[in-house]
Amino acid sequence: MSRLDSKIDNVEQNLRALSFIEKLSVEIGEEEAKGVSTKGFRLHQEVQISLEDAPISEEFVDPVDNSVHQVLRLQQAVRTFADEAEDPEDKKRESRLKSAVPTVKMAPNLLNNFLFILAAVCSNTAGYYFSAQAVTKTNQNGFQALPSGSTFCVANNSQYWFFMVCNSDMQIISQWNLGNNGVQLASGTLVDHLQQIFLLGTNQFLIVTDLTGTQLRSVQNVQCQAPISLTHDMEKLYILSNGCVNCLSLESLELQQSLTLPDHVKDARSVTASRHSLILATPSAVHRLNIGTGGVKKLIDSQNFCVAVIDSILIAVCETNGNAVFVSSSGQRLRSFTLSDYGFNYVNYCQACGRSRYNNIICHSVICCGSYLDSTGCFVLLMHMSCGHQLLGRVSIS
């Protein structure tokens, strides 16, 4: 009987500890109704602290398991609200962007006999060295330290995988081939903090390499269908394919969650991780997908190719009219500029061969990846033109 009384006391204590969170939930609803969204950040912090301090014991879990799940859902809802709320720094960021001058660096013409499937900026290059023909982990004669902020590209043909590294000026500093062992690559993503490249084959092989291209591990039977887009956060790999997003562990490569997209975003053609959400680009809009709940919110209407998350709170949207639009995480348009004005023209024109729309030249596929380096936001665009050429450029704005 005394043990039962002890458990009841624990439950009552936990419920009292969580009552404050219920009060915060009501405040969030009131503030959202008023349109005072910036308070969501402060409320989010209060909830986080309260959840950490709340003594949810094992005795609490069994009798009121449903309440625990409600609290967890509340925590996720508050995170989402904070993500979607207007960032108080948006005004400062908008002011800086208005005065900033974009710079565009174009890579030399890419090899036509390789199909490029990945282009990404790598800031974590410590411990790697390069020559004109290879990247290694040992400092040998003729090798130099691999510069931070290098752009890594991966391509393939029927026999080889092709690796290419460009410096910040988009000059090629290293390139090499590796046998593909019969695996044709469809997509990939560079995981900067792990110094690893995740490559997805058309035969549903997922292969992980280091920055030298050396294979570290692989897994078969990854469920995916074209078109495919990969992204990641600090813990998970996300594969957008055939109307759903599969979430895999970066460490074990095991499937942890599968999110079925609502009908209005099933045509999403690119996915990018941002905080606790995924940014989805459909042909007509940019949306935010909540990873925890599966809910989707439209950020902006945009005739776009793809998006890149610069620093988790700044999104670059690459539009079909040649504009690059910088958008805050809450969906506020901060800056727009025309890429062709700065030397990157992909609208009805191919810079590689000079053909125009009168020759039926269109950009039919884009890969985009963002990064934030030394107070400078940048994103890399890889364009596949209908004439067969591929264009690679890097856009920076500080």
Protein backbone atom coordinates (compact mmCIF):
# COMPACT_ATOMS: atom_id res chain seq x y z
CA MET A 1 0.00 0.00 0.00
CA SER A 2 2.85 2.38 0.86
CA ARG A 3 4.48 1.67 -2.53
CA LEU A 4 1.22 2.57 -4.28
CA ASP A 5 0.97 5.79 -2.26
CA SER A 6 4.54 6.62 -3.26
CA LYS A 7 3.75 6.11 -6.94
CA ILE A 8 0.62 8.28 -6.64
CA ASP A 9 2.69 11.01 -4.98
CA ASN A 10 5.20 10.85 -7.82
CA VAL A 11 2.44 11.12 -10.42
CA GLU A 12 0.92 14.13 -8.66
CA GLN A 13 4.32 15.79 -8.41
CA ASN A 14 4.97 15.25 -12.11
CA LEU A 15 1.55 16.55 -13.11
CA ARG A 16 2.15 19.71 -11.09
CA ALA A 17 5.51 20.14 -12.80
CA LEU A 18 3.87 19.82 -16.19
CA SER A 19 0.94 22.13 -15.46
CA PHE A 20 3.16 25.12 -16.24
CA ILE A 21 3.72 23.71 -19.73
CA GLU A 22 -0.03 23.52 -20.29
CA LYS A 23 -0.23 27.20 -19.29
CA LEU A 24 2.48 28.05 -21.82
CA SER A 25 0.51 26.21 -24.50
CA VAL A 26 -2.43 28.53 -23.87
CA GLU A 27 -0.13 31.57 -24.05
CA ILE A 28 1.27 30.40 -27.35
CA GLY A 29 -2.24 30.17 -28.81
CA GLU A 30 -3.10 33.65 -27.55
CA GLU A 31 0.09 35.21 -28.93
CA GLU A 32 -0.36 33.50 -32.28
CA ALA A 33 -3.93 34.80 -32.50
CA LYS A 34 -2.63 38.33 -31.84
CA GLY A 35 0.05 37.89 -34.50
CA VAL A 36 2.84 38.49 -31.95
CA SER A 37 4.93 35.64 -33.27
CA THR A 38 8.31 36.74 -31.93
CA LYS A 39 7.27 35.77 -28.42
CA GLY A 40 7.25 32.18 -29.65
CA PHE A 41 11.01 32.09 -29.31
CA ARG A 42 10.90 33.05 -25.64
CA LEU A 43 8.03 30.65 -24.95
CA HIS A 44 9.93 27.91 -26.73
CA GLN A 45 12.92 28.46 -24.44
CA GLU A 46 10.70 28.38 -21.35
CA VAL A 47 9.12 25.11 -22.44
CA GLN A 48 12.53 23.58 -23.15
CA ILE A 49 13.74 24.49 -19.65
CA SER A 50 10.52 23.27 -18.06
CA LEU A 51 10.67 19.93 -19.87
CA GLU A 52 14.28 19.47 -18.80
CA ASP A 53 13.41 20.26 -15.19
CA ALA A 54 10.20 18.20 -15.11
CA PRO A 55 10.96 15.00 -13.15
CA ILE A 56 9.26 12.49 -15.46
CA SER A 57 10.00 9.29 -13.58
CA GLU A 58 9.34 5.70 -14.59
CA GLU A 59 6.40 5.69 -12.17
CA PHE A 60 4.92 8.53 -14.17
CA VAL A 61 5.18 6.81 -17.54
CA ASP A 62 2.97 3.79 -16.90
CA PRO A 63 -0.20 5.30 -15.39
CA VAL A 64 -0.26 8.46 -17.50
CA ASP A 65 1.54 7.39 -20.64
CA ASN A 66 -0.94 9.34 -22.74
CA SER A 67 -0.06 12.55 -20.89
CA VAL A 68 3.61 12.01 -21.60
CA HIS A 69 2.87 11.70 -25.31
CA GLN A 70 0.78 14.86 -25.14
CA VAL A 71 3.69 16.72 -23.58
CA LEU A 72 6.04 15.44 -26.26
CA ARG A 73 3.61 16.56 -28.95
CA LEU A 74 3.40 19.95 -27.24
CA GLN A 75 7.17 20.23 -27.22
CA GLN A 76 7.29 19.48 -30.95
CA ALA A 77 4.50 21.97 -31.60
CA VAL A 78 6.38 24.70 -29.74
CA ARG A 79 9.53 23.93 -31.72
CA THR A 80 7.54 24.23 -34.93
CA PHE A 81 5.98 27.49 -33.79
CA ALA A 82 9.41 28.92 -33.03
CA ASP A 83 10.69 27.78 -36.42
CA GLU A 84 7.77 29.41 -38.21
CA ALA A 85 7.69 32.58 -36.11
CA GLU A 86 9.18 35.81 -37.38
CA ASP A 87 12.85 35.91 -36.40
CA PRO A 88 13.62 39.19 -34.56
CA GLU A 89 16.90 39.25 -36.49
CA ASP A 90 15.08 39.29 -39.86
CA LYS A 91 15.15 43.09 -40.04
CA LYS A 92 18.89 43.23 -39.41
CA ARG A 93 19.51 40.44 -41.91
CA GLU A 94 17.30 42.14 -44.49
CA SER A 95 19.24 45.38 -44.04
CA ARG A 96 22.58 43.60 -44.51
CA LEU A 97 21.34 41.74 -47.58
CA LYS A 98 20.08 44.96 -49.21
CA SER A 99 23.55 46.49 -49.05
CA ALA A 100 25.44 43.30 -49.95
CA VAL A 101 26.77 42.74 -53.47
CA PRO A 102 26.44 39.17 -54.76
CA THR A 103 29.39 37.58 -56.48
CA VAL A 104 29.18 34.67 -58.91
CA LYS A 105 32.05 32.38 -59.83
CA MET A 106 31.60 29.95 -62.72
CA ALA A 107 33.52 26.68 -63.04
CA PRO A 108 35.16 25.76 -66.37
CA ASN A 109 33.06 23.74 -68.79
CA LEU A 110 32.26 20.37 -67.25
CA LEU A 111 32.99 17.06 -68.96
CA ASN A 112 30.08 16.00 -71.14
CA ASN A 113 30.85 12.29 -70.84
CA PHE A 114 30.01 12.35 -67.11
CA LEU A 115 26.65 13.06 -65.48
CA PHE A 116 27.14 15.23 -62.38
CA ILE A 117 24.90 14.25 -59.46
CA LEU A 118 26.41 16.23 -56.57
CA ALA A 119 27.92 19.66 -55.95
CA ALA A 120 28.45 20.85 -52.37
CA VAL A 121 30.65 23.17 -50.34
CA CYS A 122 32.87 21.47 -47.75
CA SER A 123 34.17 23.62 -44.89
CA ASN A 124 35.50 20.76 -42.73
CA THR A 125 38.59 19.78 -44.74
CA ALA A 126 41.05 19.38 -41.84
CA GLY A 127 43.36 16.38 -42.27
CA TYR A 128 42.97 16.16 -46.06
CA TYR A 129 45.52 17.04 -48.73
CA PHE A 130 45.28 17.40 -52.49
CA SER A 131 47.23 17.24 -55.70
CA ALA A 132 45.98 17.72 -59.24
CA GLN A 133 45.06 14.02 -59.45
CA ALA A 134 43.95 12.98 -55.94
CA VAL A 135 42.82 13.85 -52.42
CA THR A 136 44.47 11.92 -49.56
CA LYS A 137 44.68 11.80 -45.78
CA THR A 138 48.49 11.87 -45.78
CA ASN A 139 50.70 14.87 -46.53
CA GLN A 140 52.92 13.61 -49.33
CA ASN A 141 55.36 15.32 -51.66
CA GLY A 142 53.48 17.44 -54.16
CA PHE A 143 50.35 17.66 -51.97
CA GLN A 144 48.89 20.69 -50.19
CA ALA A 145 46.36 21.11 -47.41
CA LEU A 146 42.84 21.00 -48.85
CA PRO A 147 41.39 24.52 -48.47
CA SER A 148 38.28 25.04 -46.37
CA GLY A 149 35.28 26.03 -48.46
CA SER A 150 36.20 23.79 -51.38
CA THR A 151 33.39 22.67 -53.67
CA PHE A 152 33.17 18.90 -54.11
CA CYS A 153 31.49 17.45 -57.19
CA VAL A 154 30.70 13.84 -58.01
CA ALA A 155 29.72 12.50 -61.45
CA ASN A 156 29.56 9.12 -63.15
CA ASN A 157 29.40 7.35 -66.48
CA SER A 158 29.10 3.69 -67.46
CA GLN A 159 32.51 2.77 -66.03
CA TYR A 160 33.72 5.36 -63.53
CA TRP A 161 32.85 7.67 -60.72
CA PHE A 162 34.42 11.08 -61.25
CA PHE A 163 35.43 13.29 -58.32
CA MET A 164 36.27 16.97 -58.81
CA VAL A 165 37.27 19.66 -56.29
CA CYS A 166 37.16 23.41 -56.94
CA ASN A 167 38.53 26.23 -54.79
CA SER A 168 36.47 29.23 -53.71
CA ASP A 169 37.05 30.84 -57.13
CA MET A 170 35.65 27.69 -58.77
CA GLN A 171 38.98 26.79 -60.34
CA ILE A 172 39.50 23.02 -60.54
CA ILE A 173 42.30 22.02 -58.15
CA SER A 174 41.89 18.22 -58.18
CA GLN A 175 40.08 15.53 -60.16
CA TRP A 176 40.24 11.76 -60.33
CA ASN A 177 38.34 8.64 -61.44
CA LEU A 178 37.32 5.55 -59.46
CA GLY A 179 35.84 2.31 -60.79
CA ASN A 180 32.10 2.22 -60.17
CA ASN A 181 31.77 -1.56 -59.63
CA GLY A 182 28.61 -1.50 -61.70
CA VAL A 183 26.86 1.12 -59.52
CA GLN A 184 25.36 4.07 -61.39
CA LEU A 185 24.83 7.06 -59.12
CA ALA A 186 21.53 8.93 -58.97
CA SER A 187 22.04 11.45 -56.17
CA GLY A 188 24.26 12.35 -53.24
CA THR A 189 24.95 14.67 -50.34
CA LEU A 190 28.11 15.77 -48.55
CA VAL A 191 27.91 15.55 -44.74
CA ASP A 192 30.36 18.22 -43.67
CA HIS A 193 30.68 17.44 -39.96
CA LEU A 194 31.47 13.77 -40.71
CA GLN A 195 33.72 14.53 -43.71
CA GLN A 196 31.74 11.91 -45.63
CA ILE A 197 29.85 11.71 -48.92
CA PHE A 198 26.59 9.72 -49.10
CA LEU A 199 25.90 8.41 -52.61
CA LEU A 200 22.69 6.74 -53.75
CA GLY A 201 22.81 4.36 -56.72
CA THR A 202 20.09 3.64 -59.22
CA ASN A 203 20.23 0.01 -58.03
CA GLN A 204 19.10 1.14 -54.54
CA PHE A 205 22.62 0.93 -53.09
CA LEU A 206 23.54 3.58 -50.52
CA ILE A 207 27.30 4.04 -50.36
CA VAL A 208 29.30 6.17 -47.92
CA THR A 209 32.79 7.42 -48.80
CA ASP A 210 35.29 9.77 -47.21
CA LEU A 211 36.53 12.86 -49.06
CA THR A 212 39.05 10.75 -51.00
CA GLY A 213 36.25 8.65 -52.50
CA THR A 214 37.27 5.60 -50.46
CA GLN A 215 34.23 3.49 -49.62
CA LEU A 216 33.56 3.22 -45.87
CA ARG A 217 30.28 1.31 -45.72
CA SER A 218 27.18 0.57 -47.77
CA VAL A 219 23.68 -0.80 -47.53
CA GLN A 220 21.41 -2.38 -50.12
CA ASN A 221 17.69 -2.19 -50.89
CA VAL A 222 17.20 1.47 -50.04
CA GLN A 223 13.65 2.15 -51.19
CA CYS A 224 13.65 5.00 -53.69
CA GLN A 225 12.42 5.93 -57.14
CA ALA A 226 13.36 8.79 -59.43
CA PRO A 227 13.38 11.73 -59.04
CA ILE A 228 15.54 11.56 -55.91
CA SER A 229 16.85 14.27 -53.61
CA LEU A 230 19.08 13.79 -50.57
CA THR A 231 19.73 16.02 -47.57
CA HIS A 232 20.85 15.60 -43.97
CA ASP A 233 21.09 17.16 -40.54
CA MET A 234 23.48 16.26 -37.73
CA GLU A 235 21.96 12.82 -37.14
CA LYS A 236 19.84 11.71 -40.08
CA LEU A 237 19.88 11.29 -43.84
CA TYR A 238 16.66 12.23 -45.65
CA ILE A 239 15.74 10.74 -49.02
CA LEU A 240 12.93 12.39 -50.99
CA SER A 241 11.47 9.89 -53.42
CA ASN A 242 8.11 9.08 -54.97
CA GLY A 243 5.98 11.21 -52.66
CA CYS A 244 7.60 10.34 -49.36
CA VAL A 245 10.67 11.14 -47.26
CA ASN A 246 12.62 8.26 -45.73
CA CYS A 247 14.73 9.12 -42.68
CA LEU A 248 17.85 7.03 -42.10
CA SER A 249 20.44 7.12 -39.33
CA LEU A 250 23.72 8.65 -40.54
CA GLU A 251 25.58 6.24 -38.28
CA SER A 252 23.84 2.92 -38.90
CA LEU A 253 22.08 3.68 -42.24
CA GLU A 254 18.97 2.04 -40.77
CA LEU A 255 15.52 3.36 -41.69
CA GLN A 256 14.09 5.18 -38.66
CA GLN A 257 11.03 6.92 -40.05
CA SER A 258 9.06 7.29 -43.27
CA LEU A 259 6.99 10.40 -43.92
CA THR A 260 4.25 10.26 -46.57
CA LEU A 261 3.82 13.67 -48.15
CA PRO A 262 0.36 15.25 -48.44
CA ASP A 263 -1.07 15.31 -51.95
CA HIS A 264 -0.34 19.02 -52.52
CA VAL A 265 3.44 18.52 -52.07
CA LYS A 266 3.87 15.04 -53.58
CA ASP A 267 5.43 16.73 -56.62
CA ALA A 268 8.30 18.13 -54.51
CA ARG A 269 11.56 17.76 -56.41
CA SER A 270 14.09 18.89 -53.81
CA VAL A 271 14.43 18.62 -50.04
CA THR A 272 16.76 20.50 -47.67
CA ALA A 273 17.10 20.12 -43.90
CA SER A 274 16.52 23.21 -41.74
CA ARG A 275 16.41 23.06 -37.94
CA HIS A 276 13.64 20.62 -36.98
CA SER A 277 12.07 20.76 -40.43
CA LEU A 278 12.59 19.93 -44.08
CA ILE A 279 12.22 22.56 -46.80
CA LEU A 280 10.39 21.16 -49.83
CA ALA A 281 10.42 22.80 -53.26
CA THR A 282 7.48 22.05 -55.53
CA PRO A 283 7.21 23.64 -58.99
CA SER A 284 4.94 26.38 -57.63
CA ALA A 285 5.88 26.97 -53.97
CA VAL A 286 8.32 26.39 -51.12
CA HIS A 287 6.99 24.52 -48.09
CA ARG A 288 8.16 23.57 -44.61
CA LEU A 289 7.62 19.95 -43.50
CA ASN A 290 7.62 19.32 -39.76
CA ILE A 291 9.67 16.17 -39.16
CA GLY A 292 7.99 15.37 -35.85
CA THR A 293 4.36 15.78 -36.86
CA GLY A 294 4.42 15.49 -40.65
CA GLY A 295 2.57 18.79 -40.96
CA VAL A 296 3.28 21.04 -43.96
CA LYS A 297 3.15 24.84 -44.16
CA LYS A 298 3.63 26.94 -47.29
CA LEU A 299 6.39 29.53 -46.91
CA ILE A 300 6.19 31.35 -50.25
CA ASP A 301 4.70 30.98 -53.71
CA SER A 302 7.55 30.62 -56.18
CA GLN A 303 8.11 29.18 -59.65
CA ASN A 304 11.31 27.50 -58.58
CA PHE A 305 13.80 24.76 -59.38
CA CYS A 306 15.12 24.07 -55.90
CA VAL A 307 16.16 25.60 -52.59
CA ALA A 308 19.30 25.75 -50.46
CA VAL A 309 19.46 26.38 -46.72
CA ILE A 310 22.36 28.75 -46.05
CA ASP A 311 22.63 28.80 -42.24
CA SER A 312 19.41 27.12 -40.99
CA ILE A 313 17.60 30.48 -40.85
CA LEU A 314 18.32 31.78 -44.36
CA ILE A 315 16.95 30.04 -47.45
CA ALA A 316 18.01 30.65 -51.04
CA VAL A 317 15.33 29.91 -53.64
CA CYS A 318 16.47 29.36 -57.22
CA GLU A 319 13.62 30.42 -59.51
CA THR A 320 12.89 29.46 -63.11
CA ASN A 321 13.05 33.11 -64.24
CA GLY A 322 16.72 33.34 -63.28
CA ASN A 323 16.18 35.06 -59.93
CA ALA A 324 17.71 34.02 -56.63
CA VAL A 325 15.45 34.91 -53.72
CA PHE A 326 16.68 34.97 -50.13
CA VAL A 327 13.94 34.03 -47.68
CA SER A 328 13.93 33.89 -43.87
CA SER A 329 12.95 30.71 -42.06
CA SER A 330 9.54 32.29 -41.37
CA GLY A 331 8.90 32.84 -45.09
CA GLN A 332 9.72 36.55 -45.34
CA ARG A 333 11.30 37.59 -48.65
CA LEU A 334 14.50 39.43 -47.79
CA ARG A 335 16.27 40.01 -51.11
CA SER A 336 15.95 39.08 -54.75
CA PHE A 337 18.43 39.48 -57.58
CA THR A 338 18.84 38.25 -61.13
CA LEU A 339 21.70 35.79 -61.49
CA SER A 340 22.34 36.66 -65.14
CA ASP A 341 23.24 40.23 -64.06
CA TYR A 342 26.17 38.72 -62.18
CA GLY A 343 27.33 36.30 -64.86
CA PHE A 344 25.20 33.18 -64.38
CA ASN A 345 22.64 32.83 -67.16
CA TYR A 346 20.62 29.64 -67.40
CA VAL A 347 17.24 30.94 -68.60
CA ASN A 348 16.59 29.81 -72.18
CA TYR A 349 20.31 29.92 -72.82
CA CYS A 350 23.39 27.71 -72.38
CA GLN A 351 26.59 29.52 -71.42
CA ALA A 352 28.66 26.52 -72.52
CA CYS A 353 27.55 26.37 -76.17
CA GLY A 354 25.81 29.74 -76.62
CA ARG A 355 22.55 28.23 -77.82
CA SER A 356 19.36 30.04 -76.93
CA ARG A 357 15.69 29.29 -76.48
CA TYR A 358 15.26 29.37 -80.26
CA ASN A 359 17.20 26.12 -80.28
CA ASN A 360 14.87 24.69 -77.61
CA ILE A 361 17.45 25.11 -74.86
CA ILE A 362 15.98 24.82 -71.38
CA CYS A 363 17.30 24.03 -67.92
CA HIS A 364 15.59 20.79 -66.96
CA SER A 365 17.39 19.80 -63.74
CA VAL A 366 19.11 21.68 -60.92
CA ILE A 367 21.11 20.63 -57.88
CA CYS A 368 21.56 23.28 -55.19
CA CYS A 369 23.48 23.26 -51.92
CA GLY A 370 24.02 26.06 -49.40
CA SER A 371 26.67 26.88 -46.82
CA TYR A 372 27.80 29.65 -44.48
CA LEU A 373 31.52 30.50 -44.35
CA ASP A 374 33.33 33.39 -42.67
CA SER A 375 30.23 35.63 -42.44
CA THR A 376 29.42 34.86 -46.08
CA GLY A 377 26.40 32.92 -47.24
CA CYS A 378 26.88 30.96 -50.42
CA PHE A 379 25.19 28.33 -52.52
CA VAL A 380 26.33 26.16 -55.39
CA LEU A 381 24.14 25.61 -58.46
CA LEU A 382 24.60 22.65 -60.81
CA MET A 383 22.46 23.03 -63.94
CA HIS A 384 21.68 20.27 -66.44
CA MET A 385 20.75 21.86 -69.79
CA SER A 386 18.64 20.20 -72.47
CA CYS A 387 21.51 20.57 -74.95
CA GLY A 388 23.55 18.15 -72.84
CA HIS A 389 25.86 20.67 -71.21
CA GLN A 390 26.16 21.10 -67.45
CA LEU A 391 26.82 24.44 -65.76
CA LEU A 392 28.38 24.85 -62.32
CA GLY A 393 28.45 28.14 -60.43
CA ARG A 394 28.89 29.43 -56.91
CA VAL A 395 26.92 32.42 -55.61
CA SER A 396 28.20 34.27 -52.54
CA ILE A 397 26.68 37.14 -50.61
CA SER A 398 28.04 38.71 -47.43
